[in-house]
């Protein structure tokens, strides 16, 4: 998913609720803003950014209650 993705809600719901979706690839900027992926267990940052706070926020999207 990128900032240009049109139907974010459907993609997130599929990942969260359908076990056939095992991987969700998101750009760092998209993943750090208004996105909760509580179905995720592991986060890989393939595009480290100069802003550690943005990275931490993206990772924290998977650990929300």
PDB file of N, CA and C in Angstrom:
ATOM      1  N   UNK A   1       0.851  -1.159   0.000  1.00  0.00           N
ATOM      2  CA  UNK A   1       0.000   0.000   0.000  1.00  0.00           C
ATOM      3  C   UNK A   1       0.905   1.232   0.000  1.00  0.00           C
ATOM      4  N   UNK A   2       0.514   2.199  -0.787  1.00  0.00           N
ATOM      5  CA  UNK A   2       1.248   3.459  -0.845  1.00  0.00           C
ATOM      6  C   UNK A   2       0.280   4.605  -0.589  1.00  0.00           C
ATOM      7  N   UNK A   3       0.784   5.802  -0.616  1.00  0.00           N
ATOM      8  CA  UNK A   3      -0.067   6.973  -0.458  1.00  0.00           C
ATOM      9  C   UNK A   3      -1.057   7.130  -1.594  1.00  0.00           C
ATOM     10  N   UNK A   4      -0.787   6.499  -2.727  1.00  0.00           N
ATOM     11  CA  UNK A   4      -1.675   6.588  -3.896  1.00  0.00           C
ATOM     12  C   UNK A   4      -2.783   5.541  -3.885  1.00  0.00           C
ATOM     13  N   UNK A   5      -2.766   4.635  -2.935  1.00  0.00           N
ATOM     14  CA  UNK A   5      -3.771   3.576  -2.863  1.00  0.00           C
ATOM     15  C   UNK A   5      -5.149   4.178  -2.625  1.00  0.00           C
ATOM     16  N   UNK A   6      -6.119   3.750  -3.415  1.00  0.00           N
ATOM     17  CA  UNK A   6      -7.468   4.326  -3.355  1.00  0.00           C
ATOM     18  C   UNK A   6      -8.330   3.733  -2.243  1.00  0.00           C
ATOM     19  N   UNK A   7      -8.325   2.409  -2.098  1.00  0.00           N
ATOM     20  CA  UNK A   7      -9.250   1.756  -1.170  1.00  0.00           C
ATOM     21  C   UNK A   7      -8.486   1.131   0.002  1.00  0.00           C
ATOM     22  N   UNK A   8      -7.906   1.980   0.832  1.00  0.00           N
ATOM     23  CA  UNK A   8      -7.116   1.514   1.975  1.00  0.00           C
ATOM     24  C   UNK A   8      -7.934   0.642   2.918  1.00  0.00           C
ATOM     25  N   UNK A   9      -9.162   1.048   3.179  1.00  0.00           N
ATOM     26  CA  UNK A   9      -9.988   0.360   4.164  1.00  0.00           C
ATOM     27  C   UNK A   9     -10.180  -1.113   3.801  1.00  0.00           C
ATOM     28  N   UNK A  10     -10.463  -1.394   2.539  1.00  0.00           N
ATOM     29  CA  UNK A  10     -10.672  -2.781   2.110  1.00  0.00           C
ATOM     30  C   UNK A  10      -9.405  -3.606   2.275  1.00  0.00           C
ATOM     31  N   UNK A  11      -8.265  -3.043   1.890  1.00  0.00           N
ATOM     32  CA  UNK A  11      -7.002  -3.768   2.029  1.00  0.00           C
ATOM     33  C   UNK A  11      -6.694  -4.088   3.487  1.00  0.00           C
ATOM     34  N   UNK A  12      -6.885  -3.116   4.349  1.00  0.00           N
ATOM     35  CA  UNK A  12      -6.623  -3.323   5.777  1.00  0.00           C
ATOM     36  C   UNK A  12      -7.584  -4.362   6.353  1.00  0.00           C
ATOM     37  N   UNK A  13      -8.857  -4.284   6.011  1.00  0.00           N
ATOM     38  CA  UNK A  13      -9.833  -5.258   6.519  1.00  0.00           C
ATOM     39  C   UNK A  13      -9.514  -6.666   6.051  1.00  0.00           C
ATOM     40  N   UNK A  14      -9.084  -6.816   4.802  1.00  0.00           N
ATOM     41  CA  UNK A  14      -8.715  -8.141   4.312  1.00  0.00           C
ATOM     42  C   UNK A  14      -7.536  -8.694   5.094  1.00  0.00           C
ATOM     43  N   UNK A  15      -6.521  -7.881   5.325  1.00  0.00           N
ATOM     44  CA  UNK A  15      -5.362  -8.344   6.081  1.00  0.00           C
ATOM     45  C   UNK A  15      -5.739  -8.680   7.522  1.00  0.00           C
ATOM     46  N   UNK A  16      -6.547  -7.853   8.122  1.00  0.00           N
ATOM     47  CA  UNK A  16      -6.915  -8.040   9.523  1.00  0.00           C
ATOM     48  C   UNK A  16      -7.808  -9.266   9.743  1.00  0.00           C
ATOM     49  N   UNK A  17      -8.672  -9.573   8.769  1.00  0.00           N
ATOM     50  CA  UNK A  17      -9.724 -10.563   9.007  1.00  0.00           C
ATOM     51  C   UNK A  17      -9.645 -11.827   8.180  1.00  0.00           C
ATOM     52  N   UNK A  18      -8.831 -11.864   7.126  1.00  0.00           N
ATOM     53  CA  UNK A  18      -8.775 -13.026   6.248  1.00  0.00           C
ATOM     54  C   UNK A  18      -7.403 -13.686   6.373  1.00  0.00           C
ATOM     55  N   UNK A  19      -7.375 -14.907   6.874  1.00  0.00           N
ATOM     56  CA  UNK A  19      -6.109 -15.594   7.142  1.00  0.00           C
ATOM     57  C   UNK A  19      -5.307 -15.930   5.892  1.00  0.00           C
ATOM     58  N   UNK A  20      -5.902 -15.807   4.716  1.00  0.00           N
ATOM     59  CA  UNK A  20      -5.131 -16.108   3.505  1.00  0.00           C
ATOM     60  C   UNK A  20      -4.138 -14.989   3.175  1.00  0.00           C
ATOM     61  N   UNK A  21      -4.294 -13.813   3.789  1.00  0.00           N
ATOM     62  CA  UNK A  21      -3.363 -12.705   3.601  1.00  0.00           C
ATOM     63  C   UNK A  21      -2.351 -12.736   4.735  1.00  0.00           C
ATOM     64  N   UNK A  22      -1.134 -13.146   4.421  1.00  0.00           N
ATOM     65  CA  UNK A  22      -0.094 -13.325   5.445  1.00  0.00           C
ATOM     66  C   UNK A  22       0.886 -12.150   5.515  1.00  0.00           C
ATOM     67  N   UNK A  23       0.971 -11.366   4.443  1.00  0.00           N
ATOM     68  CA  UNK A  23       1.943 -10.278   4.356  1.00  0.00           C
ATOM     69  C   UNK A  23       1.223  -9.019   3.896  1.00  0.00           C
ATOM     70  N   UNK A  24       1.597  -7.905   4.517  1.00  0.00           N
ATOM     71  CA  UNK A  24       1.031  -6.612   4.131  1.00  0.00           C
ATOM     72  C   UNK A  24       2.205  -5.666   3.925  1.00  0.00           C
ATOM     73  N   UNK A  25       2.421  -5.253   2.692  1.00  0.00           N
ATOM     74  CA  UNK A  25       3.550  -4.390   2.377  1.00  0.00           C
ATOM     75  C   UNK A  25       3.056  -2.953   2.270  1.00  0.00           C
ATOM     76  N   UNK A  26       3.688  -2.093   3.048  1.00  0.00           N
ATOM     77  CA  UNK A  26       3.254  -0.699   3.157  1.00  0.00           C
ATOM     78  C   UNK A  26       4.489   0.203   3.135  1.00  0.00           C
ATOM     79  N   UNK A  27       4.392   1.337   2.464  1.00  0.00           N
ATOM     80  CA  UNK A  27       5.491   2.296   2.545  1.00  0.00           C
ATOM     81  C   UNK A  27       5.544   2.872   3.959  1.00  0.00           C
ATOM     82  N   UNK A  28       6.722   3.302   4.368  1.00  0.00           N
ATOM     83  CA  UNK A  28       6.894   3.793   5.735  1.00  0.00           C
ATOM     84  C   UNK A  28       6.003   4.987   6.028  1.00  0.00           C
ATOM     85  N   UNK A  29       5.920   5.925   5.129  1.00  0.00           N
ATOM     86  CA  UNK A  29       5.076   7.096   5.376  1.00  0.00           C
ATOM     87  C   UNK A  29       3.610   6.714   5.479  1.00  0.00           C
ATOM     88  N   UNK A  30       3.153   5.794   4.649  1.00  0.00           N
ATOM     89  CA  UNK A  30       1.756   5.353   4.695  1.00  0.00           C
ATOM     90  C   UNK A  30       1.486   4.561   5.970  1.00  0.00           C
ATOM     91  N   UNK A  31       2.431   3.718   6.368  1.00  0.00           N
ATOM     92  CA  UNK A  31       2.246   2.868   7.539  1.00  0.00           C
ATOM     93  C   UNK A  31       2.333   3.588   8.858  1.00  0.00           C
ATOM     94  N   UNK A  32       2.837   4.795   8.859  1.00  0.00           N
ATOM     95  CA  UNK A  32       2.993   5.501  10.134  1.00  0.00           C
ATOM     96  C   UNK A  32       1.840   6.458  10.414  1.00  0.00           C
ATOM     97  N   UNK A  33       0.883   6.553   9.505  1.00  0.00           N
ATOM     98  CA  UNK A  33      -0.206   7.514   9.664  1.00  0.00           C
ATOM     99  C   UNK A  33      -1.573   6.855   9.647  1.00  0.00           C
ATOM    100  N   UNK A  34      -2.262   6.853  10.779  1.00  0.00           N
ATOM    101  CA  UNK A  34      -3.655   6.430  10.857  1.00  0.00           C
ATOM    102  C   UNK A  34      -3.932   5.011  10.436  1.00  0.00           C
ATOM    103  N   UNK A  35      -3.027   4.097  10.715  1.00  0.00           N
ATOM    104  CA  UNK A  35      -3.192   2.721  10.277  1.00  0.00           C
ATOM    105  C   UNK A  35      -2.949   1.798  11.456  1.00  0.00           C
ATOM    106  N   UNK A  36      -3.875   0.890  11.713  1.00  0.00           N
ATOM    107  CA  UNK A  36      -3.701  -0.093  12.775  1.00  0.00           C
ATOM    108  C   UNK A  36      -3.719  -1.485  12.168  1.00  0.00           C
ATOM    109  N   UNK A  37      -2.631  -2.219  12.343  1.00  0.00           N
ATOM    110  CA  UNK A  37      -2.525  -3.579  11.817  1.00  0.00           C
ATOM    111  C   UNK A  37      -2.272  -4.538  12.969  1.00  0.00           C
ATOM    112  N   UNK A  38      -3.258  -4.700  13.805  1.00  0.00           N
ATOM    113  CA  UNK A  38      -3.100  -5.528  15.000  1.00  0.00           C
ATOM    114  C   UNK A  38      -2.982  -7.008  14.680  1.00  0.00           C
ATOM    115  N   UNK A  39      -3.317  -7.423  13.452  1.00  0.00           N
ATOM    116  CA  UNK A  39      -3.171  -8.823  13.066  1.00  0.00           C
ATOM    117  C   UNK A  39      -1.712  -9.163  12.766  1.00  0.00           C
ATOM    118  N   UNK A  40      -0.865  -8.150  12.615  1.00  0.00           N
ATOM    119  CA  UNK A  40       0.553  -8.372  12.313  1.00  0.00           C
ATOM    120  C   UNK A  40       1.318  -8.753  13.574  1.00  0.00           C
ATOM    121  N   UNK A  41       2.269  -9.657  13.413  1.00  0.00           N
ATOM    122  CA  UNK A  41       3.123 -10.074  14.527  1.00  0.00           C
ATOM    123  C   UNK A  41       4.542  -9.550  14.394  1.00  0.00           C
ATOM    124  N   UNK A  42       4.981  -9.361  13.167  1.00  0.00           N
ATOM    125  CA  UNK A  42       6.363  -8.992  12.894  1.00  0.00           C
ATOM    126  C   UNK A  42       6.390  -7.821  11.922  1.00  0.00           C
ATOM    127  N   UNK A  43       7.328  -6.910  12.133  1.00  0.00           N
ATOM    128  CA  UNK A  43       7.496  -5.762  11.242  1.00  0.00           C
ATOM    129  C   UNK A  43       8.935  -5.750  10.741  1.00  0.00           C
ATOM    130  N   UNK A  44       9.096  -5.623   9.425  1.00  0.00           N
ATOM    131  CA  UNK A  44      10.401  -5.435   8.813  1.00  0.00           C
ATOM    132  C   UNK A  44      10.427  -4.049   8.187  1.00  0.00           C
ATOM    133  N   UNK A  45      11.436  -3.269   8.495  1.00  0.00           N
ATOM    134  CA  UNK A  45      11.596  -1.960   7.866  1.00  0.00           C
ATOM    135  C   UNK A  45      12.648  -2.104   6.767  1.00  0.00           C
ATOM    136  N   UNK A  46      12.184  -2.131   5.521  1.00  0.00           N
ATOM    137  CA  UNK A  46      13.096  -2.281   4.394  1.00  0.00           C
ATOM    138  C   UNK A  46      13.610  -0.942   3.879  1.00  0.00           C
ATOM    139  N   UNK A  47      12.963   0.116   4.264  1.00  0.00           N
ATOM    140  CA  UNK A  47      13.372   1.451   3.806  1.00  0.00           C
ATOM    141  C   UNK A  47      13.576   2.366   5.006  1.00  0.00           C
ATOM    142  N   UNK A  48      14.616   2.106   5.818  1.00  0.00           N
ATOM    143  CA  UNK A  48      14.837   2.934   7.003  1.00  0.00           C
ATOM    144  C   UNK A  48      14.860   4.411   6.639  1.00  0.00           C
ATOM    145  N   UNK A  49      14.334   5.200   7.534  1.00  0.00           N
ATOM    146  CA  UNK A  49      14.181   6.621   7.287  1.00  0.00           C
ATOM    147  C   UNK A  49      15.049   7.395   8.258  1.00  0.00           C
ATOM    148  N   UNK A  50      15.322   8.635   7.971  1.00  0.00           N
ATOM    149  CA  UNK A  50      16.167   9.467   8.829  1.00  0.00           C
ATOM    150  C   UNK A  50      15.468   9.835  10.128  1.00  0.00           C
ATOM    151  N   UNK A  51      14.157   9.652  10.186  1.00  0.00           N
ATOM    152  CA  UNK A  51      13.373  10.056  11.344  1.00  0.00           C
ATOM    153  C   UNK A  51      12.978   8.822  12.164  1.00  0.00           C
ATOM    154  N   UNK A  52      13.679   8.597  13.269  1.00  0.00           N
ATOM    155  CA  UNK A  52      13.397   7.420  14.100  1.00  0.00           C
ATOM    156  C   UNK A  52      11.987   7.426  14.663  1.00  0.00           C
ATOM    157  N   UNK A  53      11.448   8.592  14.932  1.00  0.00           N
ATOM    158  CA  UNK A  53      10.088   8.673  15.472  1.00  0.00           C
ATOM    159  C   UNK A  53       9.076   8.128  14.466  1.00  0.00           C
ATOM    160  N   UNK A  54       9.259   8.410  13.182  1.00  0.00           N
ATOM    161  CA  UNK A  54       8.360   7.901  12.149  1.00  0.00           C
ATOM    162  C   UNK A  54       8.467   6.383  12.053  1.00  0.00           C
ATOM    163  N   UNK A  55       9.675   5.852  12.156  1.00  0.00           N
ATOM    164  CA  UNK A  55       9.860   4.401  12.147  1.00  0.00           C
ATOM    165  C   UNK A  55       9.173   3.764  13.348  1.00  0.00           C
ATOM    166  N   UNK A  56       9.381   4.337  14.519  1.00  0.00           N
ATOM    167  CA  UNK A  56       8.760   3.802  15.730  1.00  0.00           C
ATOM    168  C   UNK A  56       7.248   3.839  15.649  1.00  0.00           C
ATOM    169  N   UNK A  57       6.708   4.900  15.111  1.00  0.00           N
ATOM    170  CA  UNK A  57       5.258   5.021  14.983  1.00  0.00           C
ATOM    171  C   UNK A  57       4.727   3.956  14.028  1.00  0.00           C
ATOM    172  N   UNK A  58       5.414   3.704  12.940  1.00  0.00           N
ATOM    173  CA  UNK A  58       4.990   2.674  11.992  1.00  0.00           C
ATOM    174  C   UNK A  58       4.996   1.299  12.643  1.00  0.00           C
ATOM    175  N   UNK A  59       6.052   0.994  13.387  1.00  0.00           N
ATOM    176  CA  UNK A  59       6.145  -0.289  14.082  1.00  0.00           C
ATOM    177  C   UNK A  59       5.056  -0.417  15.133  1.00  0.00           C
ATOM    178  N   UNK A  60       4.773   0.665  15.839  1.00  0.00           N
ATOM    179  CA  UNK A  60       3.750   0.639  16.892  1.00  0.00           C
ATOM    180  C   UNK A  60       2.351   0.381  16.357  1.00  0.00           C
ATOM    181  N   UNK A  61       2.132   0.533  15.053  1.00  0.00           N
ATOM    182  CA  UNK A  61       0.816   0.262  14.464  1.00  0.00           C
ATOM    183  C   UNK A  61       0.438  -1.198  14.593  1.00  0.00           C
ATOM    184  N   UNK A  62       1.418  -2.062  14.817  1.00  0.00           N
ATOM    185  CA  UNK A  62       1.124  -3.486  14.946  1.00  0.00           C
ATOM    186  C   UNK A  62       0.922  -3.919  16.397  1.00  0.00           C
ATOM    187  N   UNK A  63       1.195  -3.061  17.325  1.00  0.00           N
ATOM    188  CA  UNK A  63       1.146  -3.438  18.743  1.00  0.00           C
ATOM    189  C   UNK A  63       0.079  -2.708  19.520  1.00  0.00           C
ATOM    190  N   UNK A  64      -0.921  -2.222  18.822  1.00  0.00           N
ATOM    191  CA  UNK A  64      -2.003  -1.504  19.503  1.00  0.00           C
ATOM    192  C   UNK A  64      -3.005  -2.485  20.089  1.00  0.00           C
ATOM    193  N   UNK A  65      -3.640  -2.078  21.149  1.00  0.00           N
ATOM    194  CA  UNK A  65      -4.641  -2.936  21.797  1.00  0.00           C
ATOM    195  C   UNK A  65      -5.935  -2.848  21.017  1.00  0.00           C
TER     196      UNK A  65
END
